């Protein structure tokens, strides 16, 4: 019991002394408590209506693809309002990130309503577009309109649109919102 109290105090001090970066999901702190080494993992969750397990998955994939998880959350909010069963029949787009049916084979998407598969494809596509165009507005436009549609707009001198600005506004709000922190004690 005393060990848990000491760890809780150490964690409280850690939150005061160590600023956990916005884009980080977990920070591991080591605490030497009464000659027992305890490792505590602090997990950060965003104020979005997605389960912690899915947030962990998104954040981990974003680390792999070097993309901001808050950008992904903002795209999900814009595309589906966090509804994993969202369907846009007129454009054949499915799930959280509204993946178009034409991308199913390219990205091995077998179950478009499976949230984990859907975000895997969406994050992969966003990462590729960000790498290719090196501009978040252009990448978002290509994600929304398709690359051909986006290029037609760029040829007219339009390098941002309502969609890209809306996603970035949503991202800013997510970045500004409070986060929930949990810690897991491991020995």
N, C-alpha and C. Protein backbone atom coordinates (compact mmCIF):
# COMPACT_ATOMS: atom_id res chain seq x y z
N UNK A 1 0.83 -1.20 0.00
CA UNK A 1 0.00 0.00 0.00
C UNK A 1 0.87 1.25 0.00
N UNK A 2 1.88 1.26 0.84
CA UNK A 2 2.78 2.42 0.91
C UNK A 2 3.48 2.61 -0.43
N UNK A 3 3.85 1.48 -1.06
CA UNK A 3 4.53 1.57 -2.36
C UNK A 3 3.64 2.27 -3.39
N UNK A 4 2.34 1.94 -3.42
CA UNK A 4 1.41 2.58 -4.36
C UNK A 4 1.28 4.07 -4.07
N UNK A 5 1.24 4.43 -2.81
CA UNK A 5 1.13 5.85 -2.45
C UNK A 5 2.38 6.60 -2.92
N UNK A 6 3.54 6.02 -2.70
CA UNK A 6 4.78 6.66 -3.13
C UNK A 6 4.82 6.80 -4.65
N UNK A 7 4.40 5.75 -5.36
CA UNK A 7 4.37 5.83 -6.83
C UNK A 7 3.40 6.91 -7.28
N UNK A 8 2.24 7.00 -6.64
CA UNK A 8 1.26 8.03 -6.99
C UNK A 8 1.84 9.42 -6.77
N UNK A 9 2.56 9.60 -5.69
CA UNK A 9 3.20 10.90 -5.41
C UNK A 9 4.25 11.20 -6.48
N UNK A 10 5.05 10.20 -6.82
CA UNK A 10 6.08 10.40 -7.85
C UNK A 10 5.43 10.76 -9.17
N UNK A 11 4.35 10.07 -9.52
CA UNK A 11 3.65 10.39 -10.77
C UNK A 11 3.08 11.80 -10.75
N UNK A 12 2.52 12.20 -9.62
CA UNK A 12 1.97 13.55 -9.51
C UNK A 12 3.07 14.58 -9.73
N UNK A 13 4.21 14.34 -9.12
CA UNK A 13 5.34 15.26 -9.31
C UNK A 13 5.82 15.23 -10.76
N UNK A 14 5.80 14.05 -11.36
CA UNK A 14 6.23 13.95 -12.76
C UNK A 14 5.36 14.80 -13.66
N UNK A 15 4.05 14.81 -13.42
CA UNK A 15 3.16 15.62 -14.24
C UNK A 15 3.46 17.10 -14.06
N UNK A 16 3.88 17.50 -12.87
CA UNK A 16 4.19 18.90 -12.62
C UNK A 16 5.55 19.25 -13.21
N UNK A 17 6.52 18.35 -13.06
CA UNK A 17 7.89 18.65 -13.47
C UNK A 17 8.19 18.33 -14.92
N UNK A 18 7.48 17.33 -15.46
CA UNK A 18 7.73 16.90 -16.82
C UNK A 18 6.51 17.21 -17.66
N UNK A 19 6.69 18.00 -18.68
CA UNK A 19 5.58 18.28 -19.59
C UNK A 19 5.53 17.16 -20.61
N UNK A 20 4.39 16.43 -20.66
CA UNK A 20 4.23 15.36 -21.63
C UNK A 20 3.83 15.99 -22.95
N UNK A 21 4.62 15.79 -24.02
CA UNK A 21 4.32 16.41 -25.31
C UNK A 21 2.97 15.97 -25.87
N UNK A 22 2.31 16.86 -26.63
CA UNK A 22 1.01 16.58 -27.22
C UNK A 22 1.01 15.35 -28.10
N UNK A 23 2.03 15.15 -28.87
CA UNK A 23 2.04 14.10 -29.87
C UNK A 23 2.51 12.77 -29.31
N UNK A 24 2.72 12.68 -28.00
CA UNK A 24 3.21 11.46 -27.40
C UNK A 24 2.07 10.71 -26.77
N UNK A 25 2.02 9.42 -26.96
CA UNK A 25 0.98 8.60 -26.35
C UNK A 25 1.40 8.13 -24.97
N UNK A 26 2.60 7.68 -24.82
CA UNK A 26 3.00 7.11 -23.54
C UNK A 26 4.42 7.54 -23.19
N UNK A 27 4.63 7.74 -21.92
CA UNK A 27 5.93 8.05 -21.41
C UNK A 27 6.21 7.03 -20.32
N UNK A 28 7.40 6.50 -20.27
CA UNK A 28 7.73 5.53 -19.25
C UNK A 28 8.65 6.19 -18.25
N UNK A 29 8.26 6.11 -16.98
CA UNK A 29 9.06 6.65 -15.91
C UNK A 29 9.51 5.49 -15.03
N UNK A 30 10.73 5.55 -14.53
CA UNK A 30 11.19 4.54 -13.58
C UNK A 30 11.24 5.18 -12.22
N UNK A 31 10.80 4.43 -11.24
CA UNK A 31 10.84 4.93 -9.87
C UNK A 31 11.45 3.85 -8.99
N UNK A 32 12.44 4.22 -8.19
CA UNK A 32 13.03 3.27 -7.26
C UNK A 32 12.29 3.44 -5.94
N UNK A 33 11.44 2.47 -5.63
CA UNK A 33 10.60 2.56 -4.44
C UNK A 33 11.00 1.45 -3.48
N UNK A 34 11.55 1.84 -2.32
CA UNK A 34 11.94 0.89 -1.28
C UNK A 34 12.71 -0.30 -1.84
N UNK A 35 13.73 -0.03 -2.58
CA UNK A 35 14.59 -1.02 -3.22
C UNK A 35 13.86 -1.93 -4.20
N UNK A 36 12.65 -1.53 -4.63
CA UNK A 36 11.92 -2.27 -5.66
C UNK A 36 11.80 -1.37 -6.87
N UNK A 37 12.32 -1.84 -7.99
CA UNK A 37 12.20 -1.03 -9.20
C UNK A 37 10.81 -1.21 -9.79
N UNK A 38 10.12 -0.11 -9.96
CA UNK A 38 8.79 -0.14 -10.58
C UNK A 38 8.84 0.71 -11.83
N UNK A 39 8.30 0.20 -12.91
CA UNK A 39 8.21 0.96 -14.14
C UNK A 39 6.76 1.34 -14.33
N UNK A 40 6.53 2.60 -14.53
CA UNK A 40 5.18 3.10 -14.69
C UNK A 40 5.04 3.69 -16.08
N UNK A 41 4.04 3.24 -16.80
CA UNK A 41 3.77 3.77 -18.14
C UNK A 41 2.59 4.72 -18.04
N UNK A 42 2.79 5.93 -18.53
CA UNK A 42 1.72 6.92 -18.54
C UNK A 42 1.17 6.98 -19.95
N UNK A 43 -0.12 6.74 -20.09
CA UNK A 43 -0.76 6.78 -21.41
C UNK A 43 -1.63 8.01 -21.50
N UNK A 44 -1.56 8.63 -22.64
CA UNK A 44 -2.33 9.85 -22.90
C UNK A 44 -3.42 9.54 -23.91
N UNK A 45 -4.65 9.94 -23.58
CA UNK A 45 -5.77 9.74 -24.51
C UNK A 45 -6.40 11.08 -24.82
N UNK A 46 -6.80 11.23 -26.06
CA UNK A 46 -7.39 12.48 -26.53
C UNK A 46 -8.89 12.48 -26.27
N UNK A 47 -9.44 13.66 -26.20
CA UNK A 47 -10.86 13.84 -25.94
C UNK A 47 -11.64 13.67 -27.25
N UNK A 48 -11.64 12.44 -27.75
CA UNK A 48 -12.38 12.09 -28.97
C UNK A 48 -13.17 10.81 -28.66
N UNK A 49 -14.30 10.61 -29.31
CA UNK A 49 -15.13 9.44 -29.00
C UNK A 49 -14.64 8.15 -29.65
N UNK A 50 -13.42 7.77 -29.35
CA UNK A 50 -12.86 6.51 -29.81
C UNK A 50 -12.31 5.77 -28.60
N UNK A 51 -12.46 4.46 -28.58
CA UNK A 51 -11.98 3.65 -27.47
C UNK A 51 -10.47 3.78 -27.33
N UNK A 52 -10.00 3.61 -26.09
CA UNK A 52 -8.57 3.74 -25.82
C UNK A 52 -7.73 2.79 -26.67
N UNK A 53 -8.20 1.56 -26.87
CA UNK A 53 -7.46 0.59 -27.67
C UNK A 53 -7.27 1.09 -29.11
N UNK A 54 -8.31 1.68 -29.68
CA UNK A 54 -8.21 2.22 -31.04
C UNK A 54 -7.32 3.46 -31.06
N UNK A 55 -7.41 4.30 -30.03
CA UNK A 55 -6.51 5.46 -29.95
C UNK A 55 -5.06 5.01 -29.87
N UNK A 56 -4.78 3.99 -29.05
CA UNK A 56 -3.41 3.47 -28.96
C UNK A 56 -2.93 3.01 -30.33
N UNK A 57 -3.79 2.29 -31.05
CA UNK A 57 -3.44 1.78 -32.37
C UNK A 57 -3.14 2.93 -33.34
N UNK A 58 -4.01 3.93 -33.35
CA UNK A 58 -3.82 5.09 -34.22
C UNK A 58 -2.52 5.80 -33.89
N UNK A 59 -2.29 6.04 -32.62
CA UNK A 59 -1.09 6.76 -32.20
C UNK A 59 0.17 5.98 -32.55
N UNK A 60 0.14 4.66 -32.35
CA UNK A 60 1.29 3.83 -32.71
C UNK A 60 1.56 3.86 -34.22
N UNK A 61 0.49 3.75 -35.02
CA UNK A 61 0.66 3.82 -36.49
C UNK A 61 1.18 5.19 -36.91
N UNK A 62 0.69 6.22 -36.27
CA UNK A 62 1.15 7.57 -36.61
C UNK A 62 2.64 7.74 -36.33
N UNK A 63 3.12 7.09 -35.28
CA UNK A 63 4.56 7.14 -35.01
C UNK A 63 5.34 6.45 -36.14
N UNK A 64 4.83 5.33 -36.60
CA UNK A 64 5.49 4.59 -37.68
C UNK A 64 5.52 5.43 -38.96
N UNK A 65 4.40 6.08 -39.26
CA UNK A 65 4.29 6.84 -40.52
C UNK A 65 4.65 8.32 -40.36
N UNK A 66 5.09 8.72 -39.18
CA UNK A 66 5.51 10.09 -38.92
C UNK A 66 4.41 11.10 -39.29
N UNK A 67 3.23 10.87 -38.74
CA UNK A 67 2.09 11.73 -39.00
C UNK A 67 1.44 12.07 -37.65
N UNK A 68 0.87 13.22 -37.55
CA UNK A 68 0.26 13.65 -36.30
C UNK A 68 -1.03 12.89 -36.03
N UNK A 69 -1.16 12.27 -34.85
CA UNK A 69 -2.41 11.59 -34.54
C UNK A 69 -3.60 12.55 -34.47
N UNK A 70 -3.35 13.78 -34.08
CA UNK A 70 -4.47 14.73 -34.02
C UNK A 70 -4.97 15.07 -35.42
N UNK A 71 -4.10 15.02 -36.42
CA UNK A 71 -4.54 15.21 -37.80
C UNK A 71 -5.45 14.05 -38.20
N UNK A 72 -5.07 12.84 -37.83
CA UNK A 72 -5.89 11.67 -38.15
C UNK A 72 -7.24 11.76 -37.44
N UNK A 73 -7.25 12.13 -36.17
CA UNK A 73 -8.52 12.28 -35.45
C UNK A 73 -9.39 13.33 -36.13
N UNK A 74 -8.77 14.42 -36.59
CA UNK A 74 -9.53 15.48 -37.26
C UNK A 74 -10.12 14.99 -38.59
N UNK A 75 -9.36 14.20 -39.33
CA UNK A 75 -9.88 13.64 -40.58
C UNK A 75 -11.04 12.70 -40.28
N UNK A 76 -10.89 11.88 -39.24
CA UNK A 76 -11.97 10.97 -38.86
C UNK A 76 -13.23 11.76 -38.50
N UNK A 77 -13.05 12.82 -37.72
CA UNK A 77 -14.20 13.65 -37.34
C UNK A 77 -14.85 14.25 -38.58
N UNK A 78 -14.05 14.77 -39.49
CA UNK A 78 -14.57 15.40 -40.72
C UNK A 78 -15.27 14.38 -41.62
N UNK A 79 -14.67 13.23 -41.76
CA UNK A 79 -15.17 12.23 -42.70
C UNK A 79 -16.40 11.47 -42.19
N UNK A 80 -16.39 11.08 -40.90
CA UNK A 80 -17.43 10.18 -40.42
C UNK A 80 -18.04 10.56 -39.08
N UNK A 81 -17.60 11.67 -38.49
CA UNK A 81 -18.04 12.04 -37.13
C UNK A 81 -17.82 10.88 -36.17
N UNK A 82 -16.72 10.17 -36.36
CA UNK A 82 -16.30 9.05 -35.50
C UNK A 82 -17.23 7.86 -35.57
N UNK A 83 -17.99 7.73 -36.65
CA UNK A 83 -18.91 6.60 -36.83
C UNK A 83 -18.24 5.53 -37.68
N UNK A 84 -17.86 4.38 -37.07
CA UNK A 84 -17.17 3.34 -37.83
C UNK A 84 -18.06 2.69 -38.89
N UNK A 85 -19.36 2.91 -38.83
CA UNK A 85 -20.29 2.34 -39.82
C UNK A 85 -20.75 3.36 -40.85
N UNK A 86 -20.07 4.50 -40.92
CA UNK A 86 -20.46 5.54 -41.87
C UNK A 86 -20.34 5.04 -43.30
N UNK A 87 -21.29 5.43 -44.13
CA UNK A 87 -21.31 5.04 -45.53
C UNK A 87 -21.74 6.23 -46.37
N UNK A 88 -20.98 6.53 -47.39
CA UNK A 88 -21.34 7.53 -48.38
C UNK A 88 -21.61 6.76 -49.67
N UNK A 89 -22.87 6.43 -49.89
CA UNK A 89 -23.24 5.59 -51.04
C UNK A 89 -22.90 6.26 -52.37
N UNK A 90 -23.07 7.57 -52.45
CA UNK A 90 -22.85 8.24 -53.73
C UNK A 90 -21.39 8.19 -54.17
N UNK A 91 -20.47 8.08 -53.21
CA UNK A 91 -19.05 8.03 -53.56
C UNK A 91 -18.39 6.70 -53.21
N UNK A 92 -19.17 5.74 -52.74
CA UNK A 92 -18.65 4.43 -52.34
C UNK A 92 -17.51 4.54 -51.33
N UNK A 93 -17.74 5.33 -50.28
CA UNK A 93 -16.74 5.51 -49.23
C UNK A 93 -17.28 4.91 -47.93
N UNK A 94 -16.37 4.27 -47.17
CA UNK A 94 -16.78 3.46 -46.04
C UNK A 94 -15.96 3.75 -44.78
N UNK A 95 -16.63 3.63 -43.63
CA UNK A 95 -15.96 3.59 -42.34
C UNK A 95 -15.48 4.92 -41.81
N UNK A 96 -14.67 4.83 -40.75
CA UNK A 96 -14.20 6.01 -40.03
C UNK A 96 -13.52 7.03 -40.94
N UNK A 97 -12.66 6.56 -41.82
CA UNK A 97 -11.89 7.48 -42.67
C UNK A 97 -12.43 7.54 -44.09
N UNK A 98 -13.63 6.98 -44.29
CA UNK A 98 -14.32 7.04 -45.57
C UNK A 98 -13.40 6.62 -46.72
N UNK A 99 -12.93 5.38 -46.64
CA UNK A 99 -12.05 4.84 -47.67
C UNK A 99 -12.89 4.48 -48.88
N UNK A 100 -12.48 5.00 -50.03
CA UNK A 100 -13.20 4.73 -51.27
C UNK A 100 -12.95 3.29 -51.72
N UNK A 101 -13.99 2.68 -52.25
CA UNK A 101 -13.93 1.29 -52.68
C UNK A 101 -12.80 1.03 -53.69
N UNK A 102 -12.45 2.03 -54.48
CA UNK A 102 -11.38 1.86 -55.47
C UNK A 102 -10.02 1.60 -54.80
N UNK A 103 -9.90 1.88 -53.51
CA UNK A 103 -8.63 1.68 -52.79
C UNK A 103 -8.56 0.35 -52.05
N UNK A 104 -9.63 -0.42 -52.03
CA UNK A 104 -9.66 -1.66 -51.25
C UNK A 104 -8.55 -2.63 -51.66
N UNK A 105 -8.40 -2.86 -52.95
CA UNK A 105 -7.41 -3.83 -53.42
C UNK A 105 -5.99 -3.31 -53.19
N UNK A 106 -5.76 -2.05 -53.55
CA UNK A 106 -4.43 -1.45 -53.41
C UNK A 106 -3.91 -1.55 -51.99
N UNK A 107 -4.79 -1.33 -51.01
CA UNK A 107 -4.37 -1.28 -49.61
C UNK A 107 -4.80 -2.49 -48.79
N UNK A 108 -5.20 -3.58 -49.46
CA UNK A 108 -5.61 -4.80 -48.78
C UNK A 108 -6.67 -4.56 -47.71
N UNK A 109 -7.71 -3.86 -48.07
CA UNK A 109 -8.80 -3.58 -47.13
C UNK A 109 -9.92 -4.58 -47.38
N UNK A 110 -10.02 -5.57 -46.50
CA UNK A 110 -11.03 -6.62 -46.64
C UNK A 110 -12.33 -6.25 -45.91
N UNK A 111 -12.19 -5.59 -44.78
CA UNK A 111 -13.35 -5.24 -43.96
C UNK A 111 -13.38 -3.72 -43.73
N UNK A 112 -14.00 -2.98 -44.62
CA UNK A 112 -13.95 -1.51 -44.51
C UNK A 112 -14.60 -0.96 -43.24
N UNK A 113 -15.49 -1.73 -42.61
CA UNK A 113 -16.12 -1.26 -41.37
C UNK A 113 -15.35 -1.69 -40.12
N UNK A 114 -14.26 -2.43 -40.31
CA UNK A 114 -13.40 -2.76 -39.19
C UNK A 114 -12.56 -1.51 -38.91
N UNK A 115 -12.77 -0.90 -37.76
CA UNK A 115 -12.13 0.39 -37.45
C UNK A 115 -10.61 0.32 -37.57
N UNK A 116 -10.02 -0.77 -37.12
CA UNK A 116 -8.56 -0.89 -37.15
C UNK A 116 -8.05 -0.97 -38.59
N UNK A 117 -8.69 -1.77 -39.41
CA UNK A 117 -8.30 -1.87 -40.82
C UNK A 117 -8.51 -0.54 -41.54
N UNK A 118 -9.64 0.08 -41.26
CA UNK A 118 -10.00 1.33 -41.93
C UNK A 118 -8.98 2.42 -41.62
N UNK A 119 -8.62 2.59 -40.35
CA UNK A 119 -7.66 3.64 -40.02
C UNK A 119 -6.26 3.29 -40.51
N UNK A 120 -5.93 2.00 -40.58
CA UNK A 120 -4.63 1.60 -41.14
C UNK A 120 -4.50 2.11 -42.57
N UNK A 121 -5.55 1.90 -43.35
CA UNK A 121 -5.52 2.35 -44.74
C UNK A 121 -5.53 3.87 -44.82
N UNK A 122 -6.38 4.51 -44.04
CA UNK A 122 -6.46 5.97 -44.06
C UNK A 122 -5.14 6.63 -43.68
N UNK A 123 -4.50 6.12 -42.64
CA UNK A 123 -3.22 6.68 -42.20
C UNK A 123 -2.15 6.45 -43.26
N UNK A 124 -2.14 5.28 -43.86
CA UNK A 124 -1.18 4.98 -44.94
C UNK A 124 -1.37 5.96 -46.10
N UNK A 125 -2.63 6.15 -46.50
CA UNK A 125 -2.91 7.07 -47.61
C UNK A 125 -2.50 8.50 -47.27
N UNK A 126 -2.86 8.96 -46.08
CA UNK A 126 -2.49 10.32 -45.66
C UNK A 126 -0.97 10.49 -45.64
N UNK A 127 -0.28 9.51 -45.11
CA UNK A 127 1.18 9.58 -45.04
C UNK A 127 1.78 9.68 -46.44
N UNK A 128 1.29 8.86 -47.36
CA UNK A 128 1.80 8.91 -48.74
C UNK A 128 1.54 10.27 -49.37
N UNK A 129 0.36 10.82 -49.15
CA UNK A 129 0.02 12.12 -49.74
C UNK A 129 0.85 13.25 -49.12
N UNK A 130 1.07 13.18 -47.82
CA UNK A 130 1.91 14.20 -47.16
C UNK A 130 3.34 14.13 -47.67
N UNK A 131 3.85 12.92 -47.86
CA UNK A 131 5.22 12.77 -48.39
C UNK A 131 5.31 13.26 -49.83
N UNK A 132 4.30 12.96 -50.60
CA UNK A 132 4.31 13.31 -52.03
C UNK A 132 4.18 14.81 -52.25
N UNK A 133 3.27 15.46 -51.52
CA UNK A 133 2.98 16.87 -51.79
C UNK A 133 3.64 17.83 -50.80
N UNK A 134 4.13 17.34 -49.69
CA UNK A 134 4.85 18.13 -48.69
C UNK A 134 4.09 19.38 -48.25
N UNK A 135 2.78 19.32 -48.31
CA UNK A 135 1.93 20.43 -47.89
C UNK A 135 0.64 19.83 -47.35
N UNK A 136 0.32 20.15 -46.11
CA UNK A 136 -0.83 19.50 -45.48
C UNK A 136 -2.14 19.84 -46.19
N UNK A 137 -2.28 21.07 -46.67
CA UNK A 137 -3.50 21.44 -47.41
C UNK A 137 -3.63 20.61 -48.69
N UNK A 138 -2.54 20.52 -49.44
CA UNK A 138 -2.58 19.75 -50.68
C UNK A 138 -2.86 18.27 -50.41
N UNK A 139 -2.22 17.74 -49.37
CA UNK A 139 -2.44 16.33 -49.02
C UNK A 139 -3.89 16.09 -48.64
N UNK A 140 -4.47 16.99 -47.86
CA UNK A 140 -5.87 16.84 -47.46
C UNK A 140 -6.81 16.99 -48.65
N UNK A 141 -6.50 17.91 -49.54
CA UNK A 141 -7.32 18.07 -50.74
C UNK A 141 -7.28 16.80 -51.58
N UNK A 142 -6.10 16.21 -51.74
CA UNK A 142 -5.97 14.98 -52.52
C UNK A 142 -6.68 13.82 -51.82
N UNK A 143 -6.65 13.80 -50.50
CA UNK A 143 -7.36 12.76 -49.75
C UNK A 143 -8.87 12.88 -49.99
N UNK A 144 -9.34 14.10 -50.01
CA UNK A 144 -10.78 14.34 -50.14
C UNK A 144 -11.29 14.26 -51.58
N UNK A 145 -10.56 14.88 -52.50
CA UNK A 145 -11.03 14.99 -53.90
C UNK A 145 -10.43 13.93 -54.81
N UNK A 146 -9.46 13.20 -54.31
CA UNK A 146 -8.67 12.34 -55.18
C UNK A 146 -7.56 13.20 -55.79
N UNK A 147 -6.50 12.57 -56.21
CA UNK A 147 -5.36 13.35 -56.72
C UNK A 147 -5.71 14.10 -57.99
N UNK A 148 -6.48 13.49 -58.88
CA UNK A 148 -6.85 14.18 -60.12
C UNK A 148 -7.68 15.43 -59.81
N UNK A 149 -8.69 15.27 -58.96
CA UNK A 149 -9.54 16.41 -58.60
C UNK A 149 -8.76 17.52 -57.93
N UNK A 150 -7.82 17.13 -57.05
CA UNK A 150 -7.00 18.13 -56.37
C UNK A 150 -6.09 18.86 -57.36
N UNK A 151 -5.50 18.12 -58.30
CA UNK A 151 -4.61 18.74 -59.28
C UNK A 151 -5.37 19.74 -60.15
N UNK A 152 -6.62 19.44 -60.48
CA UNK A 152 -7.44 20.38 -61.25
C UNK A 152 -7.60 21.69 -60.48
N UNK A 153 -7.81 21.58 -59.17
CA UNK A 153 -7.95 22.79 -58.33
C UNK A 153 -6.62 23.53 -58.24
N UNK A 154 -5.52 22.80 -58.07
CA UNK A 154 -4.22 23.45 -57.97
C UNK A 154 -3.88 24.18 -59.26
N UNK A 155 -4.25 23.62 -60.40
CA UNK A 155 -4.01 24.27 -61.70
C UNK A 155 -4.76 25.60 -61.81
N UNK A 156 -5.82 25.75 -61.03
CA UNK A 156 -6.58 27.00 -60.99
C UNK A 156 -6.05 27.93 -59.90
N UNK A 157 -4.97 27.52 -59.23
CA UNK A 157 -4.38 28.34 -58.18
C UNK A 157 -5.00 28.13 -56.80
N UNK A 158 -5.84 27.13 -56.66
CA UNK A 158 -6.49 26.86 -55.37
C UNK A 158 -5.64 25.82 -54.63
N UNK A 159 -5.00 26.26 -53.54
CA UNK A 159 -4.12 25.35 -52.79
C UNK A 159 -4.65 24.98 -51.41
N UNK A 160 -5.84 25.44 -51.09
CA UNK A 160 -6.55 24.99 -49.90
C UNK A 160 -8.03 25.11 -50.22
N UNK A 161 -8.83 24.36 -49.49
CA UNK A 161 -10.28 24.45 -49.72
C UNK A 161 -11.01 24.32 -48.39
N UNK A 162 -12.31 24.35 -48.45
CA UNK A 162 -13.12 24.27 -47.23
C UNK A 162 -12.78 23.01 -46.45
N UNK A 163 -12.59 21.90 -47.15
CA UNK A 163 -12.28 20.63 -46.50
C UNK A 163 -10.97 20.72 -45.72
N UNK A 164 -9.90 21.15 -46.38
CA UNK A 164 -8.58 21.18 -45.72
C UNK A 164 -8.58 22.16 -44.54
N UNK A 165 -9.23 23.31 -44.72
CA UNK A 165 -9.28 24.28 -43.62
C UNK A 165 -10.11 23.74 -42.45
N UNK A 166 -11.21 23.06 -42.76
CA UNK A 166 -12.05 22.49 -41.71
C UNK A 166 -11.30 21.42 -40.91
N UNK A 167 -10.58 20.54 -41.61
CA UNK A 167 -9.82 19.50 -40.92
C UNK A 167 -8.77 20.14 -40.01
N UNK A 168 -8.06 21.14 -40.50
CA UNK A 168 -7.02 21.77 -39.69
C UNK A 168 -7.61 22.53 -38.50
N UNK A 169 -8.80 23.11 -38.66
CA UNK A 169 -9.48 23.74 -37.52
C UNK A 169 -9.85 22.69 -36.48
N UNK A 170 -10.34 21.55 -36.93
CA UNK A 170 -10.68 20.46 -36.01
C UNK A 170 -9.43 19.96 -35.29
N UNK A 171 -8.33 19.85 -36.02
CA UNK A 171 -7.07 19.41 -35.41
C UNK A 171 -6.64 20.39 -34.32
N UNK A 172 -6.76 21.67 -34.60
CA UNK A 172 -6.38 22.68 -33.61
C UNK A 172 -7.21 22.54 -32.34
N UNK A 173 -8.50 22.31 -32.49
CA UNK A 173 -9.38 22.12 -31.31
C UNK A 173 -9.00 20.87 -30.53
N UNK A 174 -8.67 19.80 -31.24
CA UNK A 174 -8.25 18.57 -30.56
C UNK A 174 -6.93 18.82 -29.82
N UNK A 175 -6.00 19.52 -30.45
CA UNK A 175 -4.73 19.84 -29.80
C UNK A 175 -4.93 20.67 -28.53
N UNK A 176 -5.92 21.54 -28.55
CA UNK A 176 -6.17 22.42 -27.41
C UNK A 176 -6.98 21.76 -26.29
N UNK A 177 -7.64 20.65 -26.59
CA UNK A 177 -8.49 20.02 -25.58
C UNK A 177 -7.65 19.30 -24.53
N UNK A 178 -8.26 19.12 -23.37
CA UNK A 178 -7.58 18.41 -22.30
C UNK A 178 -7.45 16.94 -22.65
N UNK A 179 -6.45 16.33 -22.07
CA UNK A 179 -6.24 14.91 -22.29
C UNK A 179 -6.44 14.16 -20.99
N UNK A 180 -6.73 12.88 -21.13
CA UNK A 180 -6.88 12.02 -19.97
C UNK A 180 -5.63 11.17 -19.88
N UNK A 181 -5.08 11.05 -18.68
CA UNK A 181 -3.88 10.26 -18.47
C UNK A 181 -4.19 9.07 -17.58
N UNK A 182 -3.66 7.93 -17.96
CA UNK A 182 -3.76 6.72 -17.15
C UNK A 182 -2.36 6.21 -16.93
N UNK A 183 -2.17 5.54 -15.82
CA UNK A 183 -0.87 4.92 -15.67
C UNK A 183 -1.04 3.46 -15.33
N UNK A 184 -0.07 2.69 -15.82
CA UNK A 184 -0.05 1.26 -15.61
C UNK A 184 1.25 0.94 -14.91
N UNK A 185 1.16 0.26 -13.79
CA UNK A 185 2.37 -0.09 -13.04
C UNK A 185 2.85 -1.46 -13.50
N UNK A 186 4.10 -1.54 -13.84
CA UNK A 186 4.72 -2.81 -14.21
C UNK A 186 5.90 -3.07 -13.30
N UNK A 187 6.13 -4.29 -12.96
CA UNK A 187 7.30 -4.63 -12.13
C UNK A 187 8.33 -5.35 -12.94
